[in-house]
N, C-alpha and C. Protein backbone atom coordinates (compact mmCIF):
# COMPACT_ATOMS: atom_id res chain seq x y z
N UNK A 1 -1.81 -76.45 34.13
CA UNK A 1 -2.56 -75.90 35.24
C UNK A 1 -4.05 -76.18 35.12
N UNK A 2 -4.50 -76.51 33.91
CA UNK A 2 -5.91 -76.76 33.70
C UNK A 2 -6.72 -75.50 33.51
N UNK A 3 -6.07 -74.36 33.40
CA UNK A 3 -6.77 -73.09 33.22
C UNK A 3 -6.78 -72.72 31.74
N UNK A 4 -7.85 -72.05 31.32
CA UNK A 4 -7.96 -71.59 29.93
C UNK A 4 -7.00 -70.44 29.70
N UNK A 5 -6.57 -70.26 28.47
CA UNK A 5 -5.60 -69.22 28.14
C UNK A 5 -6.11 -67.83 28.53
N UNK A 6 -7.42 -67.58 28.38
CA UNK A 6 -7.94 -66.25 28.73
C UNK A 6 -7.86 -65.99 30.23
N UNK A 7 -7.80 -67.04 31.05
CA UNK A 7 -7.62 -66.87 32.49
C UNK A 7 -6.18 -66.51 32.84
N UNK A 8 -5.25 -66.84 31.98
CA UNK A 8 -3.83 -66.62 32.24
C UNK A 8 -3.35 -65.25 31.76
N UNK A 9 -4.08 -64.62 30.87
CA UNK A 9 -3.66 -63.35 30.29
C UNK A 9 -3.61 -62.24 31.33
N UNK A 10 -2.82 -61.20 31.04
CA UNK A 10 -2.66 -60.10 31.98
C UNK A 10 -1.99 -60.60 33.24
N UNK A 11 -2.58 -60.29 34.38
CA UNK A 11 -2.01 -60.78 35.64
C UNK A 11 -2.75 -62.02 36.15
N UNK A 12 -3.63 -62.60 35.31
CA UNK A 12 -4.37 -63.79 35.71
C UNK A 12 -3.49 -64.97 36.06
N UNK A 13 -2.30 -65.03 35.46
CA UNK A 13 -1.38 -66.15 35.72
C UNK A 13 -0.97 -66.21 37.19
N UNK A 14 -1.01 -65.07 37.89
CA UNK A 14 -0.56 -65.05 39.29
C UNK A 14 -1.53 -65.76 40.23
N UNK A 15 -2.76 -65.99 39.79
CA UNK A 15 -3.75 -66.65 40.64
C UNK A 15 -3.34 -68.06 41.02
N UNK A 16 -2.57 -68.72 40.16
CA UNK A 16 -2.13 -70.09 40.45
C UNK A 16 -0.83 -70.17 41.23
N UNK A 17 -0.17 -69.03 41.44
CA UNK A 17 1.10 -69.02 42.16
C UNK A 17 0.83 -69.10 43.66
N UNK A 18 1.57 -69.94 44.36
CA UNK A 18 1.42 -70.10 45.81
C UNK A 18 1.53 -68.74 46.49
N UNK A 19 0.68 -68.49 47.47
CA UNK A 19 0.64 -67.19 48.16
C UNK A 19 2.00 -66.79 48.73
N UNK A 20 2.77 -67.77 49.23
CA UNK A 20 4.08 -67.46 49.81
C UNK A 20 5.11 -67.07 48.75
N UNK A 21 4.87 -67.42 47.51
CA UNK A 21 5.81 -67.14 46.42
C UNK A 21 5.38 -65.95 45.55
N UNK A 22 4.13 -65.56 45.65
CA UNK A 22 3.55 -64.60 44.71
C UNK A 22 4.28 -63.26 44.67
N UNK A 23 4.53 -62.64 45.81
CA UNK A 23 5.17 -61.31 45.83
C UNK A 23 6.54 -61.35 45.17
N UNK A 24 7.35 -62.34 45.55
CA UNK A 24 8.69 -62.48 44.96
C UNK A 24 8.60 -62.74 43.46
N UNK A 25 7.71 -63.62 43.09
CA UNK A 25 7.54 -64.01 41.69
C UNK A 25 7.13 -62.81 40.83
N UNK A 26 6.15 -62.07 41.28
CA UNK A 26 5.70 -60.89 40.53
C UNK A 26 6.81 -59.85 40.46
N UNK A 27 7.59 -59.71 41.54
CA UNK A 27 8.71 -58.76 41.54
C UNK A 27 9.76 -59.11 40.50
N UNK A 28 10.12 -60.39 40.43
CA UNK A 28 11.10 -60.84 39.43
C UNK A 28 10.58 -60.54 38.03
N UNK A 29 9.33 -60.87 37.80
CA UNK A 29 8.74 -60.66 36.47
C UNK A 29 8.69 -59.17 36.12
N UNK A 30 8.24 -58.34 37.06
CA UNK A 30 8.11 -56.91 36.77
C UNK A 30 9.46 -56.26 36.49
N UNK A 31 10.48 -56.62 37.28
CA UNK A 31 11.81 -56.06 37.05
C UNK A 31 12.33 -56.45 35.67
N UNK A 32 12.15 -57.71 35.31
CA UNK A 32 12.60 -58.17 33.99
C UNK A 32 11.80 -57.50 32.88
N UNK A 33 10.49 -57.43 33.07
CA UNK A 33 9.63 -56.83 32.06
C UNK A 33 9.97 -55.36 31.84
N UNK A 34 10.14 -54.61 32.92
CA UNK A 34 10.47 -53.19 32.82
C UNK A 34 11.80 -52.96 32.13
N UNK A 35 12.76 -53.87 32.36
CA UNK A 35 14.10 -53.74 31.77
C UNK A 35 14.20 -54.47 30.43
N UNK A 36 13.14 -55.22 30.06
CA UNK A 36 13.15 -56.01 28.83
C UNK A 36 14.32 -56.99 28.83
N UNK A 37 14.52 -57.64 29.99
CA UNK A 37 15.62 -58.58 30.17
C UNK A 37 15.09 -59.99 30.38
N UNK A 38 15.93 -61.00 30.13
CA UNK A 38 15.54 -62.38 30.41
C UNK A 38 15.38 -62.60 31.92
N UNK A 39 14.62 -63.60 32.29
CA UNK A 39 14.45 -63.94 33.70
C UNK A 39 14.35 -65.45 33.87
N UNK A 40 14.69 -65.90 35.07
CA UNK A 40 14.53 -67.29 35.48
C UNK A 40 14.12 -67.26 36.94
N UNK A 41 13.13 -68.07 37.31
CA UNK A 41 12.70 -68.13 38.70
C UNK A 41 12.05 -69.47 38.99
N UNK A 42 12.03 -69.81 40.28
CA UNK A 42 11.38 -71.03 40.76
C UNK A 42 10.25 -70.62 41.69
N UNK A 43 9.11 -71.28 41.54
CA UNK A 43 7.99 -71.03 42.44
C UNK A 43 7.02 -72.20 42.39
N UNK A 44 6.08 -72.21 43.31
CA UNK A 44 5.06 -73.25 43.36
C UNK A 44 3.83 -72.79 42.58
N UNK A 45 3.34 -73.68 41.72
CA UNK A 45 2.21 -73.38 40.86
C UNK A 45 1.12 -74.43 41.08
N UNK A 46 -0.12 -73.96 41.23
CA UNK A 46 -1.24 -74.86 41.50
C UNK A 46 -1.74 -75.51 40.21
N UNK A 47 -1.90 -76.83 40.28
CA UNK A 47 -2.47 -77.58 39.16
C UNK A 47 -3.99 -77.54 39.26
N UNK A 48 -4.65 -78.08 38.25
CA UNK A 48 -6.12 -78.09 38.23
C UNK A 48 -6.71 -78.93 39.35
N UNK A 49 -5.94 -79.93 39.86
CA UNK A 49 -6.43 -80.76 40.97
C UNK A 49 -6.15 -80.13 42.33
N UNK A 50 -5.57 -78.92 42.34
CA UNK A 50 -5.29 -78.21 43.59
C UNK A 50 -3.91 -78.44 44.15
N UNK A 51 -3.18 -79.43 43.63
CA UNK A 51 -1.83 -79.71 44.12
C UNK A 51 -0.86 -78.65 43.60
N UNK A 52 0.04 -78.23 44.49
CA UNK A 52 1.09 -77.30 44.08
C UNK A 52 2.32 -78.09 43.65
N UNK A 53 2.92 -77.66 42.55
CA UNK A 53 4.14 -78.26 42.03
C UNK A 53 5.17 -77.16 41.88
N UNK A 54 6.44 -77.49 42.14
CA UNK A 54 7.53 -76.55 41.92
C UNK A 54 7.81 -76.47 40.42
N UNK A 55 7.96 -75.24 39.92
CA UNK A 55 8.28 -75.05 38.50
C UNK A 55 9.48 -74.13 38.36
N UNK A 56 10.23 -74.36 37.30
CA UNK A 56 11.33 -73.49 36.89
C UNK A 56 10.84 -72.78 35.64
N UNK A 57 10.73 -71.46 35.74
CA UNK A 57 10.19 -70.67 34.64
C UNK A 57 11.28 -69.76 34.10
N UNK A 58 11.44 -69.76 32.79
CA UNK A 58 12.41 -68.88 32.13
C UNK A 58 11.69 -68.11 31.04
N UNK A 59 12.08 -66.86 30.87
CA UNK A 59 11.50 -66.04 29.82
C UNK A 59 12.58 -65.23 29.12
N UNK A 60 12.45 -65.11 27.82
CA UNK A 60 13.38 -64.32 27.02
C UNK A 60 12.57 -63.28 26.25
N UNK A 61 12.98 -62.02 26.31
CA UNK A 61 12.22 -60.99 25.59
C UNK A 61 12.27 -61.21 24.08
N UNK A 62 11.20 -60.85 23.43
CA UNK A 62 11.09 -60.99 21.97
C UNK A 62 10.89 -59.60 21.38
N UNK A 63 11.66 -59.31 20.35
CA UNK A 63 11.61 -57.99 19.72
C UNK A 63 11.32 -58.12 18.22
N UNK A 64 10.63 -57.13 17.68
CA UNK A 64 10.37 -57.07 16.24
C UNK A 64 11.64 -56.62 15.53
N UNK A 65 11.65 -56.73 14.22
CA UNK A 65 12.81 -56.32 13.43
C UNK A 65 13.16 -54.85 13.66
N UNK A 66 12.14 -54.04 13.97
CA UNK A 66 12.40 -52.61 14.21
C UNK A 66 12.78 -52.32 15.65
N UNK A 67 12.92 -53.37 16.47
CA UNK A 67 13.33 -53.20 17.86
C UNK A 67 12.18 -53.07 18.84
N UNK A 68 10.94 -53.06 18.36
CA UNK A 68 9.78 -52.95 19.24
C UNK A 68 9.64 -54.21 20.10
N UNK A 69 9.37 -54.02 21.37
CA UNK A 69 9.20 -55.13 22.30
C UNK A 69 7.86 -55.82 22.02
N UNK A 70 7.90 -57.13 21.81
CA UNK A 70 6.70 -57.90 21.49
C UNK A 70 6.18 -58.73 22.66
N UNK A 71 6.99 -58.94 23.66
CA UNK A 71 6.60 -59.77 24.79
C UNK A 71 7.70 -60.77 25.11
N UNK A 72 7.31 -61.88 25.72
CA UNK A 72 8.27 -62.90 26.13
C UNK A 72 7.95 -64.25 25.51
N UNK A 73 8.99 -64.99 25.24
CA UNK A 73 8.89 -66.41 24.89
C UNK A 73 9.43 -67.14 26.12
N UNK A 74 8.70 -68.11 26.62
CA UNK A 74 9.15 -68.73 27.85
C UNK A 74 8.89 -70.22 27.93
N UNK A 75 9.38 -70.79 29.01
CA UNK A 75 9.16 -72.20 29.28
C UNK A 75 8.89 -72.38 30.76
N UNK A 76 8.20 -73.47 31.07
CA UNK A 76 7.85 -73.80 32.45
C UNK A 76 8.10 -75.30 32.63
N UNK A 77 9.02 -75.65 33.51
CA UNK A 77 9.41 -77.04 33.71
C UNK A 77 9.09 -77.46 35.14
N UNK A 78 8.44 -78.60 35.31
CA UNK A 78 8.13 -79.13 36.64
C UNK A 78 9.42 -79.66 37.27
N UNK A 79 9.81 -79.06 38.40
CA UNK A 79 11.04 -79.48 39.10
C UNK A 79 10.73 -80.01 40.50
N UNK A 80 9.49 -80.44 40.71
CA UNK A 80 9.07 -80.89 42.04
C UNK A 80 9.95 -82.02 42.57
N UNK A 81 10.24 -83.01 41.74
CA UNK A 81 11.06 -84.14 42.20
C UNK A 81 12.45 -83.67 42.61
N UNK A 82 13.02 -82.73 41.87
CA UNK A 82 14.33 -82.19 42.23
C UNK A 82 14.26 -81.47 43.57
N UNK A 83 13.22 -80.67 43.80
CA UNK A 83 13.08 -79.93 45.06
C UNK A 83 12.93 -80.90 46.23
N UNK A 84 12.17 -81.98 46.04
CA UNK A 84 12.01 -82.98 47.10
C UNK A 84 13.34 -83.65 47.42
N UNK A 85 14.12 -83.96 46.40
CA UNK A 85 15.44 -84.57 46.60
C UNK A 85 16.36 -83.60 47.34
N UNK A 86 16.31 -82.32 47.00
CA UNK A 86 17.13 -81.32 47.69
C UNK A 86 16.76 -81.22 49.16
N UNK A 87 15.45 -81.27 49.46
CA UNK A 87 14.99 -81.21 50.85
C UNK A 87 15.50 -82.42 51.64
N UNK A 88 15.42 -83.61 51.05
CA UNK A 88 15.91 -84.82 51.73
C UNK A 88 17.41 -84.73 51.97
N UNK A 89 18.14 -84.26 50.98
CA UNK A 89 19.59 -84.10 51.11
C UNK A 89 19.91 -83.12 52.23
N UNK A 90 19.17 -82.04 52.31
CA UNK A 90 19.38 -81.04 53.36
C UNK A 90 19.12 -81.65 54.74
N UNK A 91 18.08 -82.46 54.86
CA UNK A 91 17.78 -83.11 56.14
C UNK A 91 18.93 -84.02 56.58
N UNK A 92 19.49 -84.77 55.63
CA UNK A 92 20.62 -85.65 55.93
C UNK A 92 21.82 -84.83 56.39
N UNK A 93 22.12 -83.77 55.68
CA UNK A 93 23.26 -82.93 56.05
C UNK A 93 23.08 -82.30 57.42
N UNK A 94 21.87 -81.81 57.68
CA UNK A 94 21.61 -81.16 58.97
C UNK A 94 21.67 -82.14 60.13
N UNK A 95 21.31 -83.41 59.89
CA UNK A 95 21.31 -84.42 60.95
C UNK A 95 22.67 -85.06 61.15
N UNK A 96 23.59 -84.86 60.24
CA UNK A 96 24.91 -85.50 60.32
C UNK A 96 25.67 -85.00 61.55
N UNK A 97 26.27 -85.92 62.30
CA UNK A 97 27.02 -85.52 63.50
C UNK A 97 28.36 -84.87 63.18
N UNK A 98 28.87 -85.09 61.98
CA UNK A 98 30.16 -84.53 61.58
C UNK A 98 29.97 -83.20 60.86
N UNK A 99 30.96 -82.34 61.01
CA UNK A 99 30.93 -81.06 60.31
C UNK A 99 31.08 -81.29 58.81
N UNK A 100 30.25 -80.62 58.04
CA UNK A 100 30.33 -80.70 56.58
C UNK A 100 30.30 -79.29 56.03
N UNK A 101 31.30 -78.99 55.21
CA UNK A 101 31.43 -77.66 54.63
C UNK A 101 31.69 -77.82 53.14
N UNK A 102 31.02 -77.00 52.33
CA UNK A 102 31.26 -77.00 50.89
C UNK A 102 31.92 -75.67 50.53
N UNK A 103 33.05 -75.78 49.82
CA UNK A 103 33.82 -74.60 49.43
C UNK A 103 33.95 -74.60 47.91
N UNK A 104 33.74 -73.42 47.30
CA UNK A 104 33.87 -73.36 45.84
C UNK A 104 35.33 -73.17 45.43
N UNK A 105 35.58 -73.10 44.14
CA UNK A 105 36.96 -73.03 43.64
C UNK A 105 37.68 -71.75 44.04
N UNK A 106 36.93 -70.73 44.45
CA UNK A 106 37.54 -69.47 44.90
C UNK A 106 37.80 -69.48 46.41
N UNK A 107 37.47 -70.60 47.06
CA UNK A 107 37.69 -70.70 48.50
C UNK A 107 36.56 -70.13 49.34
N UNK A 108 35.43 -69.84 48.72
CA UNK A 108 34.29 -69.28 49.43
C UNK A 108 33.41 -70.41 49.94
N UNK A 109 33.09 -70.37 51.22
CA UNK A 109 32.20 -71.37 51.81
C UNK A 109 30.78 -71.06 51.35
N UNK A 110 30.15 -72.03 50.67
CA UNK A 110 28.78 -71.81 50.22
C UNK A 110 27.78 -72.73 50.91
N UNK A 111 28.26 -73.55 51.83
CA UNK A 111 27.37 -74.36 52.66
C UNK A 111 28.13 -74.85 53.88
N UNK A 112 27.46 -74.85 55.02
CA UNK A 112 27.98 -75.47 56.24
C UNK A 112 26.78 -76.03 56.99
N UNK A 113 26.88 -77.28 57.43
CA UNK A 113 25.76 -77.85 58.17
C UNK A 113 25.82 -77.40 59.63
N UNK A 114 24.81 -77.78 60.39
CA UNK A 114 24.71 -77.33 61.78
C UNK A 114 25.91 -77.78 62.61
N UNK A 115 26.42 -78.98 62.36
CA UNK A 115 27.57 -79.47 63.12
C UNK A 115 28.83 -78.65 62.86
N UNK A 116 28.92 -78.01 61.73
CA UNK A 116 30.10 -77.20 61.40
C UNK A 116 30.22 -76.00 62.33
N UNK A 117 29.11 -75.55 62.89
CA UNK A 117 29.17 -74.38 63.77
C UNK A 117 29.92 -74.70 65.07
N UNK A 118 30.01 -75.98 65.42
CA UNK A 118 30.73 -76.34 66.64
C UNK A 118 32.24 -76.37 66.41
N UNK A 119 32.66 -76.45 65.15
CA UNK A 119 34.08 -76.51 64.81
C UNK A 119 34.67 -75.11 64.78
N UNK A 120 33.89 -74.16 64.30
CA UNK A 120 34.42 -72.81 64.12
C UNK A 120 33.98 -71.94 65.25
């Protein structure tokens, strides 16, 4: 992000989160933090050049030998290229003249394109 570590401490890390993602992102973090549970989330994060990139962030709580909560160990992976590919794929599916439906192994429909609405 190009920010110094002291800028990221406390709630400073939220300053780089895209405004449209911030409320959801902080909510996920607070719920996990309060419960001392692992979390995973995707959001847009601003780089030092001002460009927003999609990131996949995961955190795992860390505890001392006596069980005291020490904080989180986490990772942040740039998934921008994956998100762009997903958007292109969605555009193709939505523009397809034929109905397309994805069903999981339990028989639950987890995707239907716009053309599928004309079939059902």
